[in-house]
Protein backbone atom coordinates (compact mmCIF):
# COMPACT_ATOMS: atom_id res chain seq x y z
CA VAL A 1 240.84 -137.97 -12.10
CA PHE A 2 243.33 -138.12 -14.85
CA LYS A 3 241.72 -134.71 -16.22
CA ALA A 4 242.07 -133.34 -12.83
CA TRP A 5 245.97 -133.73 -13.00
CA THR A 6 245.95 -132.71 -16.72
CA ASP A 7 243.55 -129.80 -17.30
CA PRO A 8 244.92 -126.51 -15.32
CA ALA A 9 241.27 -125.24 -14.66
CA HIS A 10 240.66 -128.43 -12.53
CA ALA A 11 244.28 -128.27 -11.00
CA ALA A 12 244.59 -124.85 -9.74
CA ARG A 13 241.70 -125.86 -7.67
CA TRP A 14 243.93 -128.45 -5.63
CA ALA A 15 247.33 -128.49 -6.75
CA GLY A 16 249.32 -127.64 -3.65
CA PRO A 17 249.09 -128.11 -0.20
CA ARG A 18 246.39 -126.59 2.26
CA GLY A 19 247.92 -123.11 2.68
CA PHE A 20 248.95 -122.32 -0.72
CA THR A 21 247.27 -121.41 -3.91
CA ALA A 22 248.60 -122.49 -7.15
CA THR A 23 248.70 -119.33 -9.43
CA ARG A 24 250.25 -120.43 -12.72
CA LEU A 25 250.04 -123.78 -14.22
CA GLU A 26 251.65 -123.73 -17.84
CA GLY A 27 252.60 -126.59 -19.91
CA GLU A 28 252.24 -129.31 -22.53
CA VAL A 29 250.64 -132.37 -21.32
CA ARG A 30 252.51 -134.83 -24.12
CA PRO A 31 255.79 -136.81 -23.74
CA GLY A 32 258.76 -133.98 -23.69
CA GLY A 33 256.49 -131.55 -23.12
CA ALA A 34 257.78 -129.32 -20.33
CA TRP A 35 255.60 -128.18 -17.22
CA ARG A 36 255.70 -125.06 -14.73
CA THR A 37 253.85 -124.49 -11.39
CA CYS A 38 253.82 -121.39 -8.95
CA LEU A 39 252.25 -122.36 -5.78
CA ARG A 40 252.26 -119.14 -3.33
CA ARG A 41 251.95 -119.17 0.33
CA ASP A 42 248.72 -117.61 1.46
CA ALA A 43 249.93 -116.59 4.67
CA ASP A 44 252.98 -114.26 3.22
CA GLY A 45 252.57 -114.14 -0.77
CA GLU A 46 255.77 -115.83 -0.87
CA GLU A 47 255.94 -118.06 -4.30
CA LEU A 48 257.93 -121.48 -4.56
CA TRP A 49 258.31 -122.45 -8.20
CA GLN A 50 258.36 -125.90 -9.69
CA GLY A 51 258.82 -127.74 -12.88
CA GLY A 52 259.80 -130.50 -15.12
CA THR A 53 259.06 -132.46 -17.97
CA TYR A 54 256.55 -135.16 -18.95
CA ARG A 55 258.13 -138.27 -19.68
CA GLU A 56 255.03 -140.63 -20.59
CA VAL A 57 251.60 -139.45 -21.02
CA VAL A 58 248.67 -142.16 -21.45
CA GLU A 59 245.30 -140.99 -21.06
CA PRO A 60 243.78 -141.98 -18.93
CA GLU A 61 245.77 -144.84 -17.19
CA ARG A 62 249.39 -142.89 -16.71
CA LEU A 63 251.44 -140.20 -16.15
CA VAL A 64 255.24 -140.06 -15.51
CA PHE A 65 257.42 -136.78 -15.44
CA THR A 66 260.19 -135.02 -13.54
CA PHE A 67 259.91 -132.81 -10.81
CA ALA A 68 262.16 -129.89 -9.42
CA TRP A 69 261.78 -126.99 -7.12
CA ASP A 70 263.57 -123.63 -8.92
CA ARG A 71 266.17 -122.37 -6.26
CA ASP A 72 266.52 -119.17 -5.39
CA ASP A 73 269.46 -118.39 -7.53
CA GLY A 74 267.40 -119.24 -10.69
CA GLY A 75 268.74 -122.98 -10.92
CA ARG A 76 267.02 -126.42 -10.52
CA GLY A 77 267.20 -128.20 -7.55
CA HIS A 78 267.45 -131.63 -7.36
CA GLU A 79 265.33 -133.68 -9.69
CA THR A 80 262.91 -136.59 -8.80
CA LEU A 81 260.78 -138.82 -10.99
CA VAL A 82 256.86 -139.14 -10.52
CA THR A 83 255.14 -142.06 -11.39
CA VAL A 84 250.85 -141.65 -11.07
CA THR A 85 248.85 -144.55 -12.29
CA PHE A 86 244.91 -144.70 -12.33
CA ALA A 87 242.65 -147.62 -12.46
CA GLU A 88 238.90 -147.63 -12.96
CA GLN A 89 237.59 -149.49 -9.61
CA ASP A 90 234.09 -149.99 -8.06
CA LYS A 91 231.76 -148.51 -10.39
CA GLY A 92 232.97 -145.66 -11.72
CA LYS A 93 235.86 -144.64 -8.66
CA THR A 94 239.28 -144.41 -9.59
CA ARG A 95 242.36 -145.60 -7.57
CA MET A 96 245.28 -143.72 -8.11
CA THR A 97 248.87 -144.72 -6.81
CA PHE A 98 251.62 -142.14 -7.02
CA ARG A 99 255.19 -142.71 -6.40
CA GLN A 100 258.44 -140.23 -6.10
CA ALA A 101 262.02 -141.09 -6.02
CA VAL A 102 264.67 -140.98 -5.67
CA PHE A 103 265.12 -138.02 -2.61
CA GLU A 104 268.43 -136.42 -1.56
CA SER A 105 267.50 -136.72 2.30
CA VAL A 106 265.04 -138.20 4.52
CA GLY A 107 263.88 -135.00 5.21
CA GLN A 108 262.93 -134.12 1.41
CA ARG A 109 260.98 -137.29 1.10
CA ASP A 110 259.45 -136.62 4.28
CA GLY A 111 258.30 -132.64 2.95
CA HIS A 112 257.16 -134.09 -0.47
CA GLN A 113 255.30 -136.51 1.77
CA GLY A 114 253.24 -134.28 3.91
CA GLY A 115 252.95 -131.60 0.85
CA TRP A 116 251.15 -134.54 -1.36
CA ASN A 117 249.19 -136.06 0.76
CA SER A 118 247.76 -132.45 1.91
CA ALA A 119 247.14 -131.63 -2.10
CA PHE A 120 245.64 -135.37 -2.11
CA ASP A 121 243.07 -134.20 0.31
CA ARG A 122 242.14 -131.23 -1.65
CA LEU A 123 241.87 -133.51 -4.60
CA ALA A 124 239.47 -135.78 -3.03
CA GLU A 125 237.33 -133.12 -2.06
CA ARG A 126 237.81 -131.59 -5.74
CA VAL A 127 236.72 -134.80 -7.35
CA ALA A 128 233.94 -135.36 -4.71
CA ASN A 129 232.36 -131.84 -5.37
CA PRO A 130 232.87 -130.82 -8.97
């Protein structure tokens, strides 16, 4: 599961909620390394860019990185901190724990929750059917 997050060939198959395709995944998976992803909305082709910086990379146990959407004016939106931990469980299965904070509003929090949950459904399918 750690590799599904850190290898662009794997991440491209699940990154983003249903209805979006990850068209670009760039970055250096190392502390201080920058990352960027472009999600294209399948319905109309609109591109949404996001990015951040890796703060911690402890393979295969933990990823910590900043996350911000690009704004229409070219600037960066509000930055949050994402922490993902991975722990082996029950003969080769992985328990993934995800936390993202702090949001500017309840609406932003809820929007991210819906997007991430959809992406995590895609991740579960990807891991089950490599």
